[in-house]
Structure formats: C-alpha cells, structure tokens
Amino acid sequence: MTKKKYIYLTAMVGAVIFASYFFIGDISIWAMLMHLLLAIYFIYTSYLLLFKKSYNLLAGMTGEELERIQENIEVKMKYDKGLKIIGYIIFIGGIVVLFLGLSYLFK
C-alpha cells in the first residue's frame, strides 16, 4: 500500500468517526461501533507492517529510499526490527480496543 492510499484510509476512518457522532443517538452504540472500527484499522495497520513490510508507512520515505534500503542488508534488518516492534504494539492496541468495543455488548 502506498503512503498516499494509507493517508486516504486514515482520513476516511477519522471522517467516519467524526460524522457518525452526530447521527447515532445512543452513545453506547456509537462507542461500540467506533471501537470496532478502530480495532479493524489498527489490526490492518499491523498487518501492513508485519506481513507486507511496508517500510514507506513506517518512515514516510520515497520509493528511491525504499530501493536503497532493500539493497543494504544491515539497514534492512534494522528497519525489519523496527517494523516488528511497532507492528506488535499496534496489534496489541487493536486487540485491546476490540475487547473494549465488545465489552459494550455485555453491559
């Protein structure tokens, strides 16, 4: 996924959250839906970082910088380690937000 598409995805998630606040009357339903939407977004972001190895999302780099990194093994390993750490943190955050959203079902 390119950086431009990811920025569009982030803007759409933010716009949906902002706009839906005015249309959903019950705040607990709104909170549950927004937690679920954010959880899906976080888990998708961690998927991009962990499995697709989207370096350009991590550092906001250009295509030329990405090619340079993939040629140099030491730099690539450093970025892989950073991608894994950030990917796991975002994945754990997505799971926590998912459980928070589902907790509204059992109240």
N, C-alpha and C. Protein backbone atom coordinates (compact mmCIF):
# COMPACT_ATOMS: atom_id res chain seq x y z
N MET A 1 0.86 -1.17 0.00
CA MET A 1 0.00 0.00 0.00
C MET A 1 0.90 1.24 0.00
N THR A 2 0.56 2.18 -0.83
CA THR A 2 1.36 3.39 -0.89
C THR A 2 1.00 4.32 0.26
N LYS A 3 1.90 5.25 0.49
CA LYS A 3 1.67 6.21 1.58
C LYS A 3 0.43 7.06 1.33
N LYS A 4 0.20 7.40 0.08
CA LYS A 4 -0.95 8.23 -0.27
C LYS A 4 -2.27 7.50 0.02
N LYS A 5 -2.35 6.22 -0.33
CA LYS A 5 -3.56 5.44 -0.05
C LYS A 5 -3.77 5.27 1.45
N TYR A 6 -2.67 5.09 2.18
CA TYR A 6 -2.79 4.93 3.63
C TYR A 6 -3.27 6.23 4.28
N ILE A 7 -2.83 7.35 3.79
CA ILE A 7 -3.30 8.64 4.31
C ILE A 7 -4.78 8.82 4.02
N TYR A 8 -5.22 8.42 2.81
CA TYR A 8 -6.64 8.47 2.49
C TYR A 8 -7.45 7.57 3.41
N LEU A 9 -6.95 6.37 3.68
CA LEU A 9 -7.64 5.45 4.57
C LEU A 9 -7.75 6.04 5.97
N THR A 10 -6.68 6.63 6.46
CA THR A 10 -6.70 7.26 7.78
C THR A 10 -7.69 8.42 7.82
N ALA A 11 -7.72 9.22 6.78
CA ALA A 11 -8.66 10.34 6.73
C ALA A 11 -10.11 9.85 6.68
N MET A 12 -10.35 8.77 5.96
CA MET A 12 -11.72 8.24 5.89
C MET A 12 -12.17 7.69 7.24
N VAL A 13 -11.28 6.98 7.93
CA VAL A 13 -11.64 6.46 9.26
C VAL A 13 -11.94 7.61 10.21
N GLY A 14 -11.11 8.64 10.17
CA GLY A 14 -11.35 9.81 11.02
C GLY A 14 -12.64 10.53 10.68
N ALA A 15 -12.93 10.66 9.40
CA ALA A 15 -14.17 11.34 8.99
C ALA A 15 -15.40 10.54 9.38
N VAL A 16 -15.33 9.22 9.26
CA VAL A 16 -16.46 8.38 9.66
C VAL A 16 -16.70 8.49 11.16
N ILE A 17 -15.65 8.47 11.94
CA ILE A 17 -15.80 8.60 13.39
C ILE A 17 -16.38 9.96 13.75
N PHE A 18 -15.89 11.02 13.14
CA PHE A 18 -16.37 12.36 13.45
C PHE A 18 -17.83 12.54 13.02
N ALA A 19 -18.16 12.12 11.80
CA ALA A 19 -19.51 12.33 11.29
C ALA A 19 -20.54 11.44 11.98
N SER A 20 -20.14 10.24 12.33
CA SER A 20 -21.10 9.32 12.93
C SER A 20 -21.52 9.76 14.33
N TYR A 21 -20.71 10.55 14.99
CA TYR A 21 -21.06 11.02 16.33
C TYR A 21 -22.37 11.82 16.30
N PHE A 22 -22.62 12.53 15.22
CA PHE A 22 -23.80 13.38 15.12
C PHE A 22 -25.05 12.61 14.69
N PHE A 23 -24.88 11.41 14.12
CA PHE A 23 -26.02 10.67 13.59
C PHE A 23 -26.47 9.51 14.46
N ILE A 24 -25.63 9.02 15.33
CA ILE A 24 -26.01 7.91 16.20
C ILE A 24 -26.42 8.49 17.54
N GLY A 25 -27.67 8.29 17.92
CA GLY A 25 -28.22 8.90 19.13
C GLY A 25 -27.72 8.26 20.42
N ASP A 26 -27.64 6.95 20.45
CA ASP A 26 -27.23 6.25 21.66
C ASP A 26 -25.71 6.22 21.73
N ILE A 27 -25.15 6.81 22.77
CA ILE A 27 -23.70 6.94 22.87
C ILE A 27 -23.01 5.59 23.07
N SER A 28 -23.68 4.63 23.69
CA SER A 28 -23.03 3.33 23.89
C SER A 28 -22.92 2.56 22.58
N ILE A 29 -23.93 2.69 21.72
CA ILE A 29 -23.84 2.04 20.40
C ILE A 29 -22.75 2.71 19.58
N TRP A 30 -22.68 4.04 19.65
CA TRP A 30 -21.64 4.77 18.92
C TRP A 30 -20.26 4.34 19.41
N ALA A 31 -20.08 4.25 20.72
CA ALA A 31 -18.78 3.85 21.26
C ALA A 31 -18.41 2.44 20.82
N MET A 32 -19.36 1.53 20.83
CA MET A 32 -19.08 0.16 20.42
C MET A 32 -18.66 0.11 18.95
N LEU A 33 -19.41 0.80 18.10
CA LEU A 33 -19.09 0.78 16.66
C LEU A 33 -17.74 1.43 16.37
N MET A 34 -17.44 2.51 17.06
CA MET A 34 -16.17 3.19 16.82
C MET A 34 -14.99 2.38 17.35
N HIS A 35 -15.19 1.69 18.46
CA HIS A 35 -14.13 0.80 18.96
C HIS A 35 -13.87 -0.32 17.95
N LEU A 36 -14.93 -0.87 17.40
CA LEU A 36 -14.75 -1.94 16.42
C LEU A 36 -14.08 -1.42 15.15
N LEU A 37 -14.46 -0.23 14.70
CA LEU A 37 -13.83 0.36 13.52
C LEU A 37 -12.34 0.63 13.76
N LEU A 38 -12.02 1.19 14.90
CA LEU A 38 -10.61 1.45 15.22
C LEU A 38 -9.82 0.17 15.38
N ALA A 39 -10.43 -0.86 15.96
CA ALA A 39 -9.74 -2.14 16.10
C ALA A 39 -9.40 -2.73 14.74
N ILE A 40 -10.35 -2.67 13.81
CA ILE A 40 -10.09 -3.18 12.46
C ILE A 40 -8.98 -2.37 11.80
N TYR A 41 -9.00 -1.07 11.98
CA TYR A 41 -7.97 -0.19 11.41
C TYR A 41 -6.59 -0.50 12.00
N PHE A 42 -6.52 -0.67 13.31
CA PHE A 42 -5.23 -0.98 13.95
C PHE A 42 -4.71 -2.34 13.53
N ILE A 43 -5.58 -3.33 13.46
CA ILE A 43 -5.14 -4.67 13.07
C ILE A 43 -4.70 -4.67 11.61
N TYR A 44 -5.39 -3.92 10.75
CA TYR A 44 -4.96 -3.82 9.35
C TYR A 44 -3.60 -3.12 9.24
N THR A 45 -3.39 -2.08 10.04
CA THR A 45 -2.10 -1.40 10.02
C THR A 45 -0.99 -2.33 10.49
N SER A 46 -1.25 -3.12 11.52
CA SER A 46 -0.22 -4.06 11.98
C SER A 46 0.03 -5.13 10.92
N TYR A 47 -1.01 -5.53 10.19
CA TYR A 47 -0.83 -6.48 9.09
C TYR A 47 0.10 -5.89 8.03
N LEU A 48 -0.11 -4.63 7.69
CA LEU A 48 0.76 -3.98 6.69
C LEU A 48 2.20 -3.93 7.17
N LEU A 49 2.40 -3.64 8.47
CA LEU A 49 3.76 -3.52 8.97
C LEU A 49 4.43 -4.88 9.17
N LEU A 50 3.70 -5.86 9.66
CA LEU A 50 4.32 -7.15 9.98
C LEU A 50 4.47 -8.06 8.76
N PHE A 51 3.44 -8.17 7.94
CA PHE A 51 3.47 -9.15 6.87
C PHE A 51 3.80 -8.57 5.50
N LYS A 52 3.32 -7.37 5.22
CA LYS A 52 3.59 -6.75 3.94
C LYS A 52 4.90 -5.97 3.94
N LYS A 53 5.45 -5.73 5.14
CA LYS A 53 6.71 -5.00 5.30
C LYS A 53 6.68 -3.65 4.58
N SER A 54 5.67 -2.86 4.90
CA SER A 54 5.50 -1.56 4.27
C SER A 54 6.41 -0.54 4.94
N TYR A 55 7.65 -0.48 4.48
CA TYR A 55 8.62 0.44 5.05
C TYR A 55 8.20 1.89 4.87
N ASN A 56 7.58 2.19 3.73
CA ASN A 56 7.22 3.58 3.46
C ASN A 56 6.16 4.10 4.42
N LEU A 57 5.34 3.22 5.02
CA LEU A 57 4.39 3.67 6.02
C LEU A 57 5.09 4.02 7.32
N LEU A 58 6.14 3.28 7.62
CA LEU A 58 6.84 3.47 8.87
C LEU A 58 7.58 4.80 8.91
N ALA A 59 8.30 5.11 7.87
CA ALA A 59 9.17 6.28 7.92
C ALA A 59 8.73 7.39 6.98
N GLY A 60 7.74 7.16 6.17
CA GLY A 60 7.32 8.18 5.23
C GLY A 60 8.35 8.43 4.15
N MET A 61 9.00 7.39 3.70
CA MET A 61 10.10 7.54 2.75
C MET A 61 9.61 7.44 1.31
N THR A 62 10.46 7.84 0.42
CA THR A 62 10.14 7.79 -1.00
C THR A 62 10.52 6.43 -1.58
N GLY A 63 10.16 6.21 -2.83
CA GLY A 63 10.48 4.95 -3.49
C GLY A 63 11.97 4.72 -3.65
N GLU A 64 12.72 5.79 -3.89
CA GLU A 64 14.17 5.66 -4.05
C GLU A 64 14.83 5.22 -2.74
N GLU A 65 14.36 5.80 -1.63
CA GLU A 65 14.90 5.42 -0.34
C GLU A 65 14.56 3.97 -0.02
N LEU A 66 13.38 3.53 -0.42
CA LEU A 66 12.98 2.15 -0.20
C LEU A 66 13.88 1.19 -0.97
N GLU A 67 14.20 1.52 -2.21
CA GLU A 67 15.11 0.68 -3.00
C GLU A 67 16.49 0.64 -2.38
N ARG A 68 16.97 1.77 -1.88
CA ARG A 68 18.29 1.82 -1.24
C ARG A 68 18.33 0.93 0.00
N ILE A 69 17.26 0.96 0.78
CA ILE A 69 17.20 0.15 1.99
C ILE A 69 17.19 -1.33 1.65
N GLN A 70 16.46 -1.71 0.63
CA GLN A 70 16.36 -3.12 0.29
C GLN A 70 17.66 -3.67 -0.27
N GLU A 71 18.53 -2.81 -0.77
CA GLU A 71 19.84 -3.25 -1.26
C GLU A 71 20.82 -3.49 -0.12
N ASN A 72 20.75 -2.69 0.93
CA ASN A 72 21.68 -2.79 2.06
C ASN A 72 21.07 -3.70 3.13
N ILE A 73 21.71 -4.82 3.38
CA ILE A 73 21.17 -5.84 4.30
C ILE A 73 21.12 -5.34 5.74
N GLU A 74 22.15 -4.65 6.21
CA GLU A 74 22.19 -4.19 7.60
C GLU A 74 21.09 -3.17 7.88
N VAL A 75 20.89 -2.25 6.97
CA VAL A 75 19.84 -1.25 7.15
C VAL A 75 18.47 -1.91 7.07
N LYS A 76 18.33 -2.89 6.17
CA LYS A 76 17.06 -3.59 6.04
C LYS A 76 16.72 -4.34 7.33
N MET A 77 17.71 -4.97 7.96
CA MET A 77 17.46 -5.69 9.21
C MET A 77 17.06 -4.73 10.32
N LYS A 78 17.66 -3.53 10.33
CA LYS A 78 17.29 -2.54 11.33
C LYS A 78 15.84 -2.09 11.15
N TYR A 79 15.44 -1.86 9.91
CA TYR A 79 14.06 -1.47 9.64
C TYR A 79 13.09 -2.61 9.92
N ASP A 80 13.50 -3.86 9.61
CA ASP A 80 12.65 -5.01 9.93
C ASP A 80 12.37 -5.11 11.42
N LYS A 81 13.40 -4.87 12.22
CA LYS A 81 13.22 -4.93 13.68
C LYS A 81 12.26 -3.83 14.13
N GLY A 82 12.41 -2.64 13.60
CA GLY A 82 11.50 -1.54 13.95
C GLY A 82 10.08 -1.81 13.51
N LEU A 83 9.94 -2.39 12.30
CA LEU A 83 8.60 -2.74 11.81
C LEU A 83 7.92 -3.75 12.72
N LYS A 84 8.68 -4.75 13.17
CA LYS A 84 8.09 -5.77 14.04
C LYS A 84 7.65 -5.19 15.37
N ILE A 85 8.49 -4.36 15.96
CA ILE A 85 8.15 -3.77 17.26
C ILE A 85 6.90 -2.91 17.14
N ILE A 86 6.88 -2.02 16.17
CA ILE A 86 5.73 -1.13 16.01
C ILE A 86 4.50 -1.92 15.58
N GLY A 87 4.67 -2.91 14.73
CA GLY A 87 3.54 -3.75 14.31
C GLY A 87 2.91 -4.49 15.47
N TYR A 88 3.74 -5.07 16.35
CA TYR A 88 3.19 -5.78 17.50
C TYR A 88 2.50 -4.84 18.48
N ILE A 89 3.06 -3.66 18.67
CA ILE A 89 2.42 -2.68 19.57
C ILE A 89 1.06 -2.27 19.02
N ILE A 90 0.98 -2.01 17.73
CA ILE A 90 -0.30 -1.62 17.13
C ILE A 90 -1.27 -2.78 17.16
N PHE A 91 -0.79 -4.02 16.95
CA PHE A 91 -1.67 -5.19 17.01
C PHE A 91 -2.25 -5.36 18.41
N ILE A 92 -1.42 -5.24 19.42
CA ILE A 92 -1.91 -5.35 20.80
C ILE A 92 -2.92 -4.24 21.09
N GLY A 93 -2.63 -3.02 20.62
CA GLY A 93 -3.59 -1.93 20.78
C GLY A 93 -4.90 -2.22 20.09
N GLY A 94 -4.86 -2.82 18.91
CA GLY A 94 -6.08 -3.19 18.20
C GLY A 94 -6.89 -4.23 18.94
N ILE A 95 -6.21 -5.21 19.52
CA ILE A 95 -6.91 -6.24 20.29
C ILE A 95 -7.56 -5.63 21.53
N VAL A 96 -6.84 -4.73 22.22
CA VAL A 96 -7.40 -4.08 23.41
C VAL A 96 -8.63 -3.26 23.03
N VAL A 97 -8.54 -2.50 21.96
CA VAL A 97 -9.68 -1.69 21.52
C VAL A 97 -10.84 -2.59 21.09
N LEU A 98 -10.54 -3.73 20.47
CA LEU A 98 -11.58 -4.67 20.08
C LEU A 98 -12.32 -5.20 21.31
N PHE A 99 -11.58 -5.58 22.35
CA PHE A 99 -12.23 -6.06 23.57
C PHE A 99 -13.02 -4.97 24.27
N LEU A 100 -12.51 -3.75 24.22
CA LEU A 100 -13.29 -2.64 24.80
C LEU A 100 -14.60 -2.44 24.04
N GLY A 101 -14.55 -2.53 22.72
CA GLY A 101 -15.76 -2.39 21.94
C GLY A 101 -16.75 -3.50 22.18
N LEU A 102 -16.24 -4.72 22.31
CA LEU A 102 -17.14 -5.84 22.57
C LEU A 102 -17.68 -5.84 24.00
N SER A 103 -17.00 -5.17 24.91
CA SER A 103 -17.50 -5.12 26.27
C SER A 103 -18.81 -4.34 26.38
N TYR A 104 -19.08 -3.46 25.42
CA TYR A 104 -20.35 -2.73 25.41
C TYR A 104 -21.53 -3.66 25.12
N LEU A 105 -21.27 -4.80 24.51
CA LEU A 105 -22.35 -5.76 24.23
C LEU A 105 -22.83 -6.44 25.51
N PHE A 106 -21.96 -6.56 26.48
CA PHE A 106 -22.28 -7.33 27.69
C PHE A 106 -22.67 -6.46 28.88
N LYS A 107 -22.95 -5.17 28.63
CA LYS A 107 -23.37 -4.30 29.72
C LYS A 107 -24.85 -4.31 29.89
